Structure formats: C-alpha cells, structure tokens
N, C-alpha and C. Protein backbone atom coordinates (compact mmCIF):
# COMPACT_ATOMS: atom_id res chain seq x y z
N UNK A 1 -2.08 11.02 20.81
CA UNK A 1 -1.68 10.95 19.60
C UNK A 1 -0.26 11.93 19.19
N UNK A 2 0.31 11.30 20.23
CA UNK A 2 2.02 12.27 20.25
C UNK A 2 2.63 11.70 18.93
N UNK A 3 3.30 12.52 18.36
CA UNK A 3 4.56 12.57 17.67
C UNK A 3 5.64 13.48 17.99
N UNK A 4 6.69 12.83 18.12
CA UNK A 4 7.79 13.34 19.41
C UNK A 4 9.01 13.30 18.86
N UNK A 5 10.00 14.74 18.97
CA UNK A 5 11.64 14.67 18.49
C UNK A 5 12.56 12.88 17.99
N UNK A 6 12.03 12.54 19.31
CA UNK A 6 12.63 10.69 19.16
C UNK A 6 11.92 10.60 18.67
N UNK A 7 10.74 10.27 17.80
CA UNK A 7 10.01 9.55 16.78
C UNK A 7 10.29 10.03 15.25
N UNK A 8 10.53 11.41 15.70
CA UNK A 8 11.04 12.14 13.89
C UNK A 8 12.69 10.84 13.90
N UNK A 9 13.52 10.91 14.58
CA UNK A 9 14.45 10.57 14.64
C UNK A 9 14.78 9.42 14.17
N UNK A 10 14.16 9.07 15.06
CA UNK A 10 13.71 6.99 14.50
C UNK A 10 13.27 6.74 13.35
N UNK A 11 12.14 8.05 12.83
CA UNK A 11 11.87 8.44 10.96
C UNK A 11 13.00 8.01 9.46
N UNK A 12 14.31 8.84 10.42
CA UNK A 12 15.58 8.94 9.51
C UNK A 12 16.38 7.81 9.31
N UNK A 13 16.49 7.21 10.93
CA UNK A 13 16.97 5.77 10.76
C UNK A 13 16.98 5.21 9.75
N UNK A 14 14.79 5.06 9.90
CA UNK A 14 14.41 3.79 8.97
C UNK A 14 15.06 4.32 8.19
N UNK A 15 14.51 5.83 7.41
CA UNK A 15 14.92 5.68 6.06
C UNK A 15 16.36 5.55 5.41
N UNK A 16 17.27 6.20 6.41
CA UNK A 16 18.71 5.72 6.11
C UNK A 16 19.04 4.24 6.07
N UNK A 17 18.12 3.14 6.40
CA UNK A 17 17.78 1.47 6.26
C UNK A 17 16.92 1.00 5.06
N UNK A 18 16.51 2.43 4.65
CA UNK A 18 14.88 1.62 3.05
C UNK A 18 16.48 2.13 2.22
N UNK A 19 17.16 3.48 1.95
CA UNK A 19 18.13 4.31 0.99
C UNK A 19 19.57 2.41 1.22
N UNK A 20 19.85 2.27 2.04
CA UNK A 20 20.56 1.14 1.27
C UNK A 20 20.26 -0.40 1.86
N UNK A 21 19.05 -0.09 1.52
CA UNK A 21 18.33 -1.56 0.82
C UNK A 21 18.10 -1.31 -0.59
N UNK A 22 18.29 -0.02 -0.85
CA UNK A 22 18.43 0.11 -2.43
C UNK A 22 16.96 0.82 -2.93
N UNK A 23 16.11 1.63 -2.11
CA UNK A 23 15.13 2.20 -1.80
C UNK A 23 15.38 4.57 -2.44
N UNK A 24 15.45 4.11 -3.90
CA UNK A 24 15.51 5.58 -3.67
C UNK A 24 15.19 7.25 -4.56
N UNK A 25 14.14 6.27 -4.51
CA UNK A 25 12.70 7.51 -4.91
C UNK A 25 12.47 8.84 -3.89
N UNK A 26 13.26 9.96 -4.39
CA UNK A 26 13.01 10.39 -3.22
C UNK A 26 11.29 10.65 -2.66
N UNK A 27 10.24 10.85 -3.20
CA UNK A 27 9.16 10.75 -2.60
C UNK A 27 9.13 10.06 -1.80
N UNK A 28 9.01 9.08 -2.12
CA UNK A 28 8.39 7.89 -1.14
C UNK A 28 9.40 7.98 0.34
N UNK A 29 10.52 7.89 0.01
CA UNK A 29 11.79 8.69 1.29
C UNK A 29 11.31 8.97 1.92
N UNK A 30 10.84 10.71 1.52
CA UNK A 30 9.87 12.35 1.78
C UNK A 30 9.04 11.62 2.40
N UNK A 31 7.94 10.50 1.94
CA UNK A 31 6.93 9.88 2.65
C UNK A 31 7.14 9.38 3.61
N UNK A 32 8.23 8.24 4.31
CA UNK A 32 7.83 7.93 5.03
C UNK A 32 9.41 8.13 6.65
N UNK A 33 9.56 9.45 6.05
CA UNK A 33 9.98 10.29 6.60
C UNK A 33 9.33 11.36 7.61
N UNK A 34 7.90 11.40 7.04
CA UNK A 34 7.09 12.74 7.72
C UNK A 34 5.97 11.59 8.25
N UNK A 35 5.58 10.75 7.96
CA UNK A 35 4.60 9.81 8.61
C UNK A 35 4.66 9.25 10.09
N UNK A 36 3.79 9.51 10.96
CA UNK A 36 3.96 9.05 12.07
C UNK A 36 3.48 7.38 11.96
N UNK A 37 4.84 6.46 11.59
CA UNK A 37 3.90 4.87 11.54
C UNK A 37 3.81 4.08 12.96
N UNK A 38 4.00 4.95 14.20
CA UNK A 38 3.44 3.96 15.42
C UNK A 38 2.00 4.71 15.09
N UNK A 39 1.43 6.20 15.27
CA UNK A 39 0.12 5.94 15.15
C UNK A 39 -0.27 5.17 14.84
N UNK A 40 -0.46 4.37 13.44
CA UNK A 40 -0.61 3.71 12.83
C UNK A 40 -0.87 1.55 13.54
N UNK A 41 0.05 1.61 14.44
CA UNK A 41 -0.05 0.35 15.15
C UNK A 41 -0.44 0.83 16.66
N UNK A 42 -0.94 -0.97 16.93
CA UNK A 42 -1.10 -0.70 18.56
C UNK A 42 -0.10 -0.12 19.37
N UNK A 43 -1.01 0.68 20.31
CA UNK A 43 0.44 1.41 21.16
C UNK A 43 1.31 -0.24 21.72
N UNK A 44 0.63 -1.17 21.81
CA UNK A 44 1.89 -2.28 22.62
C UNK A 44 3.16 -2.20 21.84
N UNK A 45 3.09 -1.51 20.20
CA UNK A 45 4.16 -2.21 19.57
C UNK A 45 4.65 -0.85 19.46
N UNK A 46 4.31 0.54 19.90
CA UNK A 46 4.80 1.54 19.66
C UNK A 46 6.59 2.07 19.55
N UNK A 47 6.79 1.01 20.64
CA UNK A 47 8.31 1.52 20.56
C UNK A 47 9.50 0.63 19.39
N UNK A 48 8.36 -0.42 18.91
CA UNK A 48 9.09 -1.06 18.00
C UNK A 48 8.67 -0.46 16.38
N UNK A 49 7.66 0.44 16.31
CA UNK A 49 7.29 0.86 15.06
C UNK A 49 8.19 1.85 13.54
N UNK A 50 9.75 1.58 14.34
CA UNK A 50 10.67 2.45 12.80
C UNK A 50 11.34 0.95 12.91
N UNK A 51 11.41 -0.03 13.84
CA UNK A 51 12.52 -1.16 12.94
C UNK A 51 11.74 -1.56 11.77
N UNK A 52 12.81 -2.43 10.50
CA UNK A 52 11.72 -3.10 8.88
C UNK A 52 10.86 -4.32 9.83
N UNK A 53 10.16 -4.20 10.06
CA UNK A 53 9.70 -5.17 10.53
C UNK A 53 7.55 -4.50 10.36
N UNK A 54 7.20 -6.67 9.66
CA UNK A 54 5.82 -6.33 9.00
C UNK A 54 5.25 -6.42 10.79
N UNK A 55 4.44 -6.15 11.25
CA UNK A 55 3.16 -6.10 12.60
C UNK A 55 2.04 -6.49 12.79
N UNK A 56 1.59 -7.40 13.41
CA UNK A 56 -0.08 -7.59 13.49
C UNK A 56 -0.94 -6.32 13.48
N UNK A 57 -2.35 -6.33 12.91
CA UNK A 57 -2.85 -4.70 13.55
C UNK A 57 -4.68 -5.28 13.45
N UNK A 58 -5.01 -6.62 13.58
CA UNK A 58 -6.03 -6.54 13.97
C UNK A 58 -6.61 -7.63 12.83
N UNK A 59 -8.16 -8.33 12.99
CA UNK A 59 -8.58 -8.88 12.00
C UNK A 59 -7.88 -10.14 10.60
N UNK A 60 -6.73 -10.02 11.65
CA UNK A 60 -6.02 -11.96 10.79
C UNK A 60 -5.58 -10.70 9.93
N UNK A 61 -4.66 -9.23 10.01
CA UNK A 61 -3.85 -7.97 9.13
C UNK A 61 -2.37 -8.20 9.63
N UNK A 62 -1.77 -7.35 8.94
CA UNK A 62 -0.56 -6.74 9.44
C UNK A 62 -0.41 -5.16 8.82
N UNK A 63 0.18 -4.53 9.45
CA UNK A 63 0.58 -3.68 8.68
C UNK A 63 2.59 -4.68 8.04
N UNK A 64 2.54 -4.09 6.62
CA UNK A 64 4.07 -4.29 6.34
C UNK A 64 4.86 -3.55 6.89
N UNK A 65 6.06 -4.09 6.48
CA UNK A 65 7.09 -4.05 6.28
C UNK A 65 7.41 -3.18 6.01
N UNK A 66 8.69 -1.70 6.53
CA UNK A 66 8.29 -0.11 6.04
C UNK A 66 9.35 -0.02 4.38
N UNK A 67 9.95 -1.55 4.61
CA UNK A 67 11.09 -1.45 3.20
C UNK A 67 9.89 -2.27 2.04
N UNK A 68 8.88 -2.93 2.72
CA UNK A 68 7.95 -3.53 1.14
C UNK A 68 6.93 -2.13 0.74
N UNK A 69 6.19 -1.40 1.99
CA UNK A 69 5.66 -0.33 1.53
C UNK A 69 7.06 0.37 0.72
N UNK A 70 8.03 0.45 0.69
CA UNK A 70 8.95 2.11 -0.06
C UNK A 70 8.40 1.37 -1.45
N UNK A 71 8.90 -0.15 -1.40
CA UNK A 71 9.35 -0.52 -2.88
C UNK A 71 7.91 -0.72 -3.60
N UNK A 72 6.98 -0.90 -2.84
CA UNK A 72 5.57 -1.26 -3.32
C UNK A 72 5.08 -0.02 -4.68
N UNK A 73 5.28 1.67 -3.95
CA UNK A 73 5.10 3.25 -4.00
C UNK A 73 5.80 3.37 -4.83
N UNK A 74 7.53 2.76 -4.55
CA UNK A 74 8.31 3.06 -5.74
C UNK A 74 8.14 2.44 -7.58
N UNK A 75 7.74 1.60 -7.28
CA UNK A 75 7.19 0.23 -8.37
C UNK A 75 6.12 1.46 -9.02
N UNK A 76 5.77 1.79 -8.46
CA UNK A 76 3.95 3.11 -9.31
C UNK A 76 4.77 4.45 -10.09
N UNK A 77 5.59 4.54 -9.93
CA UNK A 77 6.27 5.81 -10.16
C UNK A 77 4.86 7.14 -10.55
N UNK A 78 4.54 7.14 -8.46
CA UNK A 78 3.48 7.92 -8.97
C UNK A 78 3.91 9.78 -9.15
N UNK A 79 3.31 10.18 -9.86
CA UNK A 79 3.34 12.02 -10.11
C UNK A 79 2.09 12.38 -8.91
N UNK A 80 2.33 13.78 -8.78
CA UNK A 80 1.16 14.38 -8.53
C UNK A 80 -0.37 14.17 -8.88
N UNK A 81 -1.53 14.42 -8.31
CA UNK A 81 -2.57 13.92 -8.85
C UNK A 81 -2.37 13.07 -9.56
N UNK A 82 -2.01 11.99 -9.26
CA UNK A 82 -2.29 10.54 -9.69
C UNK A 82 -3.40 9.70 -9.04
N UNK A 83 -4.38 9.08 -10.35
CA UNK A 83 -4.89 8.36 -9.61
C UNK A 83 -5.24 6.75 -9.17
N UNK A 84 -4.04 6.79 -7.73
CA UNK A 84 -3.99 5.72 -7.56
C UNK A 84 -5.31 4.70 -6.62
N UNK A 85 -5.34 3.90 -7.45
CA UNK A 85 -6.27 2.65 -6.45
C UNK A 85 -5.07 1.47 -6.14
N UNK A 86 -6.04 1.73 -4.20
CA UNK A 86 -5.05 0.85 -3.18
C UNK A 86 -6.08 -0.19 -3.02
N UNK A 87 -5.45 -1.79 -2.86
CA UNK A 87 -6.28 -2.86 -2.36
C UNK A 87 -5.65 -3.36 -1.63
N UNK A 88 -7.18 -2.89 -0.27
CA UNK A 88 -6.00 -3.54 1.49
C UNK A 88 -5.75 -2.14 1.36
N UNK A 89 -7.07 -1.92 2.40
CA UNK A 89 -6.61 -0.21 3.35
C UNK A 89 -5.71 -0.71 4.14
N UNK A 90 -5.80 -2.11 4.62
CA UNK A 90 -5.69 -2.54 6.12
C UNK A 90 -5.59 -1.06 7.49
N UNK A 91 -3.89 -0.59 7.73
CA UNK A 91 -3.61 0.18 8.92
C UNK A 91 -3.86 1.89 8.49
N UNK A 92 -4.17 1.79 7.02
CA UNK A 92 -3.97 2.96 6.34
C UNK A 92 -2.31 3.30 6.04
N UNK A 93 -1.65 3.33 6.27
CA UNK A 93 -0.13 3.39 6.36
C UNK A 93 0.35 3.91 4.82
N UNK A 94 -0.10 2.65 4.43
CA UNK A 94 0.04 2.24 2.94
C UNK A 94 -0.41 3.57 1.48
N UNK A 95 -1.73 3.63 2.75
CA UNK A 95 -2.73 5.11 2.25
C UNK A 95 -1.80 6.61 2.64
N UNK A 96 -1.30 6.03 3.52
CA UNK A 96 -0.21 7.53 3.73
C UNK A 96 0.08 7.95 2.86
N UNK A 97 0.99 6.74 2.73
CA UNK A 97 2.49 7.05 1.68
C UNK A 97 1.75 7.35 0.49
N UNK A 98 0.99 7.19 0.07
CA UNK A 98 0.60 7.36 -1.20
C UNK A 98 0.15 8.77 -1.50
N UNK A 99 -1.00 9.41 -0.53
CA UNK A 99 -1.56 10.59 -0.34
C UNK A 99 -0.04 11.51 -0.18
N UNK A 100 0.80 11.76 0.61
CA UNK A 100 1.86 12.15 0.70
C UNK A 100 2.97 12.52 -0.50
N UNK A 101 2.28 11.34 -1.33
CA UNK A 101 3.14 11.34 -2.90
C UNK A 101 2.99 12.04 -3.45
N UNK A 102 1.55 12.68 -2.97
CA UNK A 102 0.93 13.18 -3.54
C UNK A 102 -0.10 12.86 -5.07
N UNK A 103 -0.43 10.95 -4.46
CA UNK A 103 -1.31 10.81 -5.49
C UNK A 103 -3.06 11.84 -4.48
N UNK A 104 -4.36 11.23 -5.56
CA UNK A 104 -5.38 11.11 -5.37
C UNK A 104 -5.58 9.30 -4.94
N UNK A 105 -5.99 9.16 -4.11
CA UNK A 105 -5.34 7.87 -3.61
C UNK A 105 -7.60 7.01 -3.08
N UNK A 106 -7.90 6.13 -3.95
CA UNK A 106 -9.00 5.92 -4.09
C UNK A 106 -8.81 4.11 -3.39
N UNK A 107 -8.96 3.46 -2.19
CA UNK A 107 -8.96 2.30 -1.45
C UNK A 107 -10.05 1.47 -1.49
N UNK A 108 -9.90 0.41 -0.67
CA UNK A 108 -10.82 -0.43 -0.83
C UNK A 108 -10.38 -1.12 0.04
N UNK A 109 -11.13 -1.54 1.35
CA UNK A 109 -10.97 -2.65 2.71
C UNK A 109 -12.25 -3.85 2.51
N UNK A 110 -12.11 -5.22 3.03
CA UNK A 110 -13.35 -5.97 3.33
C UNK A 110 -12.95 -6.43 4.68
N UNK A 111 -12.56 -6.06 5.58
CA UNK A 111 -12.61 -6.73 6.80
C UNK A 111 -13.63 -4.97 7.78
N UNK A 112 -14.48 -4.94 7.52
CA UNK A 112 -15.98 -3.70 8.42
C UNK A 112 -14.52 -3.46 9.42
N UNK A 113 -13.60 -4.57 10.25
CA UNK A 113 -13.25 -3.92 11.45
C UNK A 113 -12.04 -3.03 11.27
N UNK A 114 -11.30 -3.14 10.45
CA UNK A 114 -10.15 -1.98 9.69
C UNK A 114 -10.77 -1.03 9.09
N UNK A 115 -11.75 -1.44 8.03
CA UNK A 115 -12.06 -0.44 7.72
C UNK A 115 -12.90 1.00 8.33
N UNK A 116 -13.63 0.69 9.62
CA UNK A 116 -14.05 1.71 10.67
C UNK A 116 -12.94 2.07 11.46
N UNK A 117 -12.02 1.31 11.79
CA UNK A 117 -10.99 2.30 12.22
C UNK A 117 -9.60 2.90 11.33
N UNK A 118 -9.30 2.13 10.11
CA UNK A 118 -9.03 3.37 9.76
C UNK A 118 -9.47 4.52 8.74
N UNK A 119 -10.35 4.52 8.63
CA UNK A 119 -11.56 5.76 7.95
C UNK A 119 -11.74 7.15 8.95
N UNK A 120 -11.85 6.07 10.21
CA UNK A 120 -11.47 7.50 11.90
C UNK A 120 -9.88 8.20 12.02
N UNK A 121 -9.23 6.91 11.73
CA UNK A 121 -7.68 7.65 11.92
C UNK A 121 -7.43 8.61 10.92
N UNK A 122 -7.58 8.30 10.02
CA UNK A 122 -6.82 8.91 8.58
C UNK A 122 -6.96 10.58 8.77
N UNK A 123 -8.22 11.57 9.03
CA UNK A 123 -8.83 11.95 8.88
C UNK A 123 -8.19 13.24 10.36
N UNK A 124 -7.95 12.42 10.88
CA UNK A 124 -7.24 13.03 12.34
C UNK A 124 -5.94 13.27 12.30
N UNK A 125 -4.81 13.03 11.56
CA UNK A 125 -3.55 12.48 11.34
C UNK A 125 -3.51 13.18 10.08
N UNK A 126 -4.29 14.11 9.04
CA UNK A 126 -4.31 15.09 7.75
C UNK A 126 -4.41 14.60 6.82
N UNK A 127 -4.80 13.25 6.88
CA UNK A 127 -4.37 12.21 5.68
C UNK A 127 -6.05 12.27 4.76
N UNK A 128 -5.95 12.81 3.73
CA UNK A 128 -7.80 11.95 2.86
C UNK A 128 -7.44 12.12 1.43
N UNK A 129 -7.72 10.63 1.74
CA UNK A 129 -7.68 10.37 0.82
C UNK A 129 -9.29 10.23 -0.33
N UNK A 130 -9.17 9.86 -1.70
CA UNK A 130 -10.55 10.59 -2.39
C UNK A 130 -11.36 9.86 -2.04
N UNK A 131 -10.95 8.99 -1.78
CA UNK A 131 -12.40 7.64 -1.53
C UNK A 131 -11.57 6.34 -0.31
N UNK A 132 -12.66 5.98 0.61
CA UNK A 132 -12.49 4.80 0.76
C UNK A 132 -13.22 3.95 1.20
N UNK A 133 -13.33 2.58 0.77
CA UNK A 133 -14.80 1.90 0.50
C UNK A 133 -14.59 0.24 1.52
N UNK A 134 -15.49 0.49 1.90
CA UNK A 134 -15.48 -1.17 1.77
C UNK A 134 -16.13 -2.09 1.08
N UNK A 135 -15.38 -3.09 0.64
CA UNK A 135 -16.00 -4.18 -0.54
C UNK A 135 -14.66 -5.31 -1.01
N UNK A 136 -15.47 -5.65 -1.99
CA UNK A 136 -14.16 -6.76 -2.30
C UNK A 136 -13.13 -6.50 -3.25
N UNK A 137 -11.65 -6.39 -3.16
CA UNK A 137 -10.69 -5.81 -3.60
C UNK A 137 -10.87 -6.70 -5.37
N UNK A 138 -10.98 -7.76 -5.37
CA UNK A 138 -11.17 -8.32 -6.55
C UNK A 138 -11.38 -7.47 -7.44
N UNK A 139 -12.61 -6.91 -7.66
CA UNK A 139 -13.40 -5.79 -8.24
C UNK A 139 -13.19 -4.65 -8.58
N UNK A 140 -11.72 -4.32 -7.43
CA UNK A 140 -11.32 -3.10 -7.96
C UNK A 140 -12.42 -1.80 -7.95
N UNK A 141 -12.11 -0.82 -8.22
CA UNK A 141 -13.77 0.13 -8.13
C UNK A 141 -14.03 1.16 -9.42
N UNK A 142 -14.43 -0.10 -10.71
CA UNK A 142 -14.71 0.32 -11.92
C UNK A 142 -15.23 1.84 -11.80
N UNK A 143 -16.53 2.81 -10.63
CA UNK A 143 -17.39 3.47 -10.80
C UNK A 143 -16.13 4.65 -10.88
N UNK A 144 -15.15 4.23 -10.76
CA UNK A 144 -13.78 5.52 -10.32
C UNK A 144 -12.96 5.19 -11.35
N UNK A 145 -12.60 4.70 -11.89
CA UNK A 145 -11.53 4.30 -12.55
C UNK A 145 -11.80 5.27 -14.23
N UNK A 146 -10.48 5.03 -15.10
CA UNK A 146 -9.34 4.66 -14.89
C UNK A 146 -8.43 4.82 -14.03
N UNK A 147 -7.67 3.73 -13.55
CA UNK A 147 -6.39 4.33 -12.87
C UNK A 147 -5.05 4.55 -13.50
N UNK A 148 -4.47 5.28 -12.47
CA UNK A 148 -3.06 5.60 -13.00
C UNK A 148 -1.81 4.65 -13.07
N UNK A 149 -2.76 4.05 -11.60
CA UNK A 149 -1.97 2.88 -11.05
C UNK A 149 -2.18 1.90 -10.02
N UNK A 150 -2.60 1.06 -9.56
CA UNK A 150 -3.45 -0.01 -8.79
C UNK A 150 -1.88 -1.17 -7.76
N UNK A 151 -2.10 -0.90 -6.67
CA UNK A 151 -1.47 -1.41 -5.62
C UNK A 151 -2.54 -2.69 -5.35
N UNK A 152 -1.53 -3.62 -4.87
CA UNK A 152 -1.84 -4.75 -4.13
C UNK A 152 -1.07 -5.09 -2.79
N UNK A 153 -2.21 -5.09 -1.77
CA UNK A 153 -0.88 -5.23 -0.55
C UNK A 153 -0.87 -6.64 0.39
N UNK A 154 -2.07 -8.16 -0.88
CA UNK A 154 -1.58 -9.05 0.02
C UNK A 154 -1.32 -9.58 -0.92
N UNK A 155 -1.29 -10.80 -0.53
CA UNK A 155 -1.29 -11.41 -2.14
C UNK A 155 -2.82 -12.57 -2.39
N UNK A 156 -2.31 -11.78 -3.97
CA UNK A 156 -3.29 -13.31 -4.57
C UNK A 156 -2.91 -14.41 -5.50
N UNK A 157 -3.73 -15.28 -6.39
CA UNK A 157 -3.39 -16.48 -6.78
C UNK A 157 -2.95 -16.12 -7.81
N UNK A 158 -3.56 -15.28 -8.73
CA UNK A 158 -3.82 -14.28 -10.10
C UNK A 158 -4.18 -13.26 -9.79
N UNK A 159 -4.02 -12.05 -10.94
CA UNK A 159 -3.42 -11.39 -11.42
C UNK A 159 -5.76 -11.01 -11.59
N UNK A 160 -6.07 -9.94 -10.30
CA UNK A 160 -7.82 -10.52 -10.87
C UNK A 160 -7.80 -9.65 -12.43
N UNK A 161 -8.88 -9.73 -13.05
CA UNK A 161 -8.70 -8.99 -14.13
C UNK A 161 -10.05 -7.73 -14.78
N UNK A 162 -10.23 -7.71 -13.23
CA UNK A 162 -11.30 -6.55 -12.97
C UNK A 162 -9.97 -5.49 -12.93
N UNK A 163 -9.09 -5.25 -12.18
CA UNK A 163 -7.67 -4.51 -12.15
C UNK A 163 -7.43 -3.95 -13.20
N UNK A 164 -6.39 -5.42 -14.13
CA UNK A 164 -6.28 -4.48 -15.23
C UNK A 164 -7.34 -3.48 -16.12
N UNK A 165 -7.97 -4.57 -15.99
CA UNK A 165 -9.20 -3.39 -16.44
C UNK A 165 -9.50 -2.09 -16.35
N UNK A 166 -9.26 -1.48 -15.87
CA UNK A 166 -9.30 -0.48 -14.38
C UNK A 166 -8.06 0.39 -14.79
N UNK A 167 -7.15 -0.17 -15.22
CA UNK A 167 -5.85 0.04 -15.37
C UNK A 167 -5.77 1.78 -16.47
N UNK A 168 -5.45 2.63 -16.29
CA UNK A 168 -4.84 3.49 -18.05
C UNK A 168 -4.16 2.67 -18.98
N UNK A 169 -3.94 2.94 -19.99
CA UNK A 169 -3.29 2.58 -20.84
C UNK A 169 -1.88 3.56 -20.41
N UNK A 170 -0.45 2.95 -19.90
CA UNK A 170 0.96 3.21 -19.80
C UNK A 170 0.44 3.14 -18.80
N UNK A 171 -0.79 2.76 -17.95
CA UNK A 171 -0.40 2.72 -16.17
C UNK A 171 0.15 1.33 -15.68
N UNK A 172 0.59 1.28 -14.26
CA UNK A 172 1.36 0.27 -13.74
C UNK A 172 0.49 -0.88 -12.59
N UNK A 173 0.53 -1.63 -12.54
CA UNK A 173 -0.63 -2.68 -11.64
C UNK A 173 0.73 -3.52 -11.04
N UNK A 174 1.30 -2.93 -9.39
CA UNK A 174 1.35 -3.52 -9.13
C UNK A 174 0.73 -5.20 -7.22
N UNK A 175 1.51 -5.83 -7.52
CA UNK A 175 0.76 -7.39 -7.03
C UNK A 175 1.87 -8.37 -6.27
N UNK A 176 1.66 -8.48 -5.71
CA UNK A 176 2.50 -10.27 -5.26
C UNK A 176 1.82 -11.06 -5.49
N UNK A 177 2.16 -11.80 -6.43
CA UNK A 177 0.95 -13.00 -6.59
C UNK A 177 1.93 -14.12 -6.82
N UNK A 178 1.04 -15.39 -5.85
CA UNK A 178 1.53 -16.60 -5.26
C UNK A 178 0.51 -17.38 -4.26
N UNK A 179 0.71 -18.58 -3.69
CA UNK A 179 -0.42 -19.50 -3.24
C UNK A 179 -0.57 -19.36 -1.78
N UNK A 180 -1.12 -19.73 -0.86
CA UNK A 180 -1.11 -19.30 0.31
C UNK A 180 -0.33 -19.55 1.00
N UNK A 181 0.35 -20.35 0.80
CA UNK A 181 2.03 -20.80 1.85
C UNK A 181 2.87 -20.87 1.20
N UNK A 182 3.03 -20.28 0.55
CA UNK A 182 4.71 -19.59 -0.83
C UNK A 182 4.47 -18.08 -0.39
N UNK A 183 6.18 -18.09 -0.89
CA UNK A 183 6.20 -17.03 -0.63
C UNK A 183 5.12 -15.90 -2.25
N UNK A 184 5.34 -14.53 -2.18
CA UNK A 184 4.47 -14.38 -3.44
C UNK A 184 5.65 -13.37 -4.63
N UNK A 185 5.60 -13.60 -5.51
CA UNK A 185 6.04 -13.01 -6.78
C UNK A 185 5.44 -11.55 -6.48
N UNK A 186 6.40 -10.42 -6.09
CA UNK A 186 6.40 -9.15 -6.24
C UNK A 186 6.02 -8.86 -8.05
N UNK A 187 4.55 -8.78 -8.33
CA UNK A 187 4.94 -8.40 -9.89
C UNK A 187 4.29 -7.12 -10.54
N UNK A 188 5.10 -7.17 -11.42
CA UNK A 188 4.60 -5.45 -11.60
C UNK A 188 4.42 -5.77 -13.63
N UNK A 189 3.42 -4.90 -13.73
CA UNK A 189 2.31 -5.17 -14.87
C UNK A 189 2.11 -3.72 -15.09
N UNK A 190 2.80 -3.37 -16.71
CA UNK A 190 2.34 -2.46 -17.36
C UNK A 190 1.73 -2.64 -18.73
N UNK A 191 0.54 -1.06 -18.93
CA UNK A 191 -0.41 -1.42 -20.04
C UNK A 191 -0.25 -0.89 -20.96
N UNK A 192 0.76 -1.71 -22.21
CA UNK A 192 0.34 -0.81 -23.25
C UNK A 192 -0.27 -0.45 -24.01
N UNK A 193 -1.63 -1.58 -24.08
CA UNK A 193 -2.35 -1.18 -25.44
C UNK A 193 -3.79 -1.76 -24.49
N UNK A 194 -4.88 -1.54 -25.33
CA UNK A 194 -5.60 -2.36 -25.15
C UNK A 194 -5.55 -3.63 -24.63
N UNK A 195 -5.53 -3.99 -25.13
CA UNK A 195 -4.88 -5.40 -25.00
C UNK A 195 -3.55 -5.68 -24.38
N UNK A 196 -2.80 -5.51 -24.44
CA UNK A 196 -1.07 -5.63 -24.42
C UNK A 196 -0.80 -5.06 -23.18
N UNK A 197 -0.13 -6.64 -22.39
CA UNK A 197 0.41 -5.89 -20.57
C UNK A 197 1.98 -6.37 -20.41
N UNK A 198 2.89 -5.55 -20.36
CA UNK A 198 4.47 -5.98 -20.12
C UNK A 198 4.29 -6.36 -19.26
N UNK A 199 5.13 -8.13 -18.27
CA UNK A 199 5.36 -7.69 -17.47
C UNK A 199 6.63 -8.20 -16.89
N UNK A 200 6.90 -7.70 -15.39
CA UNK A 200 8.01 -7.91 -14.81
C UNK A 200 7.52 -8.71 -13.34
N UNK A 201 8.11 -9.40 -12.80
CA UNK A 201 8.98 -10.42 -11.53
C UNK A 201 9.39 -9.88 -10.84
N UNK A 202 9.56 -9.59 -9.66
CA UNK A 202 11.15 -8.45 -8.94
C UNK A 202 11.11 -9.62 -8.07
N UNK A 203 11.27 -10.37 -7.59
CA UNK A 203 12.21 -10.86 -6.72
C UNK A 203 10.56 -11.87 -5.25
N UNK A 204 10.57 -12.05 -4.10
CA UNK A 204 9.88 -13.10 -3.02
C UNK A 204 9.91 -12.02 -2.29
N UNK A 205 8.39 -12.13 -2.28
CA UNK A 205 7.79 -11.64 -0.40
C UNK A 205 7.09 -12.62 -0.05
N UNK A 206 6.63 -11.95 1.56
CA UNK A 206 5.24 -13.19 1.68
C UNK A 206 3.79 -11.66 2.14
N UNK A 207 3.75 -12.21 2.09
CA UNK A 207 2.50 -10.94 2.46
C UNK A 207 0.97 -12.47 2.92
N UNK A 208 0.00 -11.24 3.75
CA UNK A 208 -0.71 -12.14 4.05
C UNK A 208 -1.49 -11.87 3.06
N UNK A 209 -2.89 -13.69 2.79
CA UNK A 209 -3.74 -13.35 1.31
C UNK A 209 -4.61 -12.12 0.88
N UNK A 210 -4.50 -12.26 -0.25
CA UNK A 210 -5.72 -11.53 -0.95
C UNK A 210 -7.14 -12.07 -0.11
N UNK A 211 -8.05 -11.81 0.23
CA UNK A 211 -9.33 -12.41 0.00
C UNK A 211 -10.23 -12.26 -0.81
N UNK A 212 -11.13 -12.89 -1.23
CA UNK A 212 -12.59 -12.27 -1.97
C UNK A 212 -13.92 -12.22 -1.11
N UNK A 213 -14.29 -11.46 -1.84
CA UNK A 213 -15.80 -10.17 -0.64
C UNK A 213 -15.81 -9.81 0.16
N UNK A 214 -16.57 -9.61 0.83
CA UNK A 214 -15.94 -8.76 1.66
C UNK A 214 -16.34 -9.44 3.50
N UNK A 215 -15.82 -9.07 4.57
CA UNK A 215 -16.12 -9.39 5.25
C UNK A 215 -17.02 -8.51 6.73
C-alpha cells in the first residue's frame, strides 16, 4: 500500500490533463490530486494508473476513466455533507472521490466479489462511506433517502424510477443512458418538484451495462 512522491507527481499531471479537458470544479480536482488511484487497480496496471484510461477490475467490471469520474462528479455539484447515493461501487475509486469532496456516500454494488474487496480496501485508505451495501442498484436505497444527488456508474437502458423517487427536490441524478452495444448519453436530471424533472443530455460515453438483481 505504498504511495510515493512519484505517484503524487503523476497525479498532478493527471489533474492538468483533466483541466485541459474542461474540468473546473476545484473540489473534484483536489480529490483526484489526493487519491492514490494505483491502489484501486490490479498491481499489473499500477504503472498506468494515472493515465486517463479505464481498466478492468474483475467481475467483468472496469474502473472508469478519470475524466469520466471527474465529469460525473462535477455534474453533481457536491457540497459538504451532501447525501450522495452511488449505484455501482466497483473498485471504490468514485466512492473515494465523492468522500474526499465532503459527501456522505451511500453506495450499492451488485457483484459480491467487488463488494467484499472494496469494503476491505476503503477503510485501509481512510475512506469511510456512510454505507456500503451489496444489492440491486436499480432499487437504490429507499431506507436511507432522500438524497441530494444520485450517481450511476454503469450504462442503463432507461432511468430507474426508484432512483428518481429517492432524489430530494432540487437534487441531481447523473446517469449514462443507452442500450448495451451503443454509446450511452450522459444524462442529468434535476428534480424541480414532486412530479417535475428537468433533463439535460451531455454527450456520449461508454460504460459497462447496469445489471439488475445481484450476483
């Protein structure tokens, strides 16, 4: 579990790349500057950890490209002590970014293997989400809501209704929407009232599919 000056230098370079690509949220950039992404990857990828690329992490899942993590995190407009629901804990890297931004993170993972490994890793790094659970992300966490924002880290064919229902009024839901073999459209929903949502579509991204039920 080593984090060296060399790693820090690579993180600083990564932050510069993200700024060039249009990421402006200081909280997001600071979090990425601090978090040792190489410790979230299989050690064989360690040398590439600070490139702006996605990598496989087991259970057929990936750790998202840093730009995607930053882009989604920036859209959430996280403020200190915001309650954030994350669908798809995965490696825990996005979880760590939200935590470092000051959010109270509630995260759901449907792959038991990843749930177990990430539950062990995060405390070792001093990352303490409010709640990590093994379950079906389509259902969200109704017992813990409502949330200031919801982030979905896998592509979904549509926006799951329970996730919309668990959003506070004024809250933001960020989700990549699209079919399995096509790029997804990054979608932002802002809840305006009990019944009204404002929708913004923000370009194409590629994600692993959001699967129902748990494995």
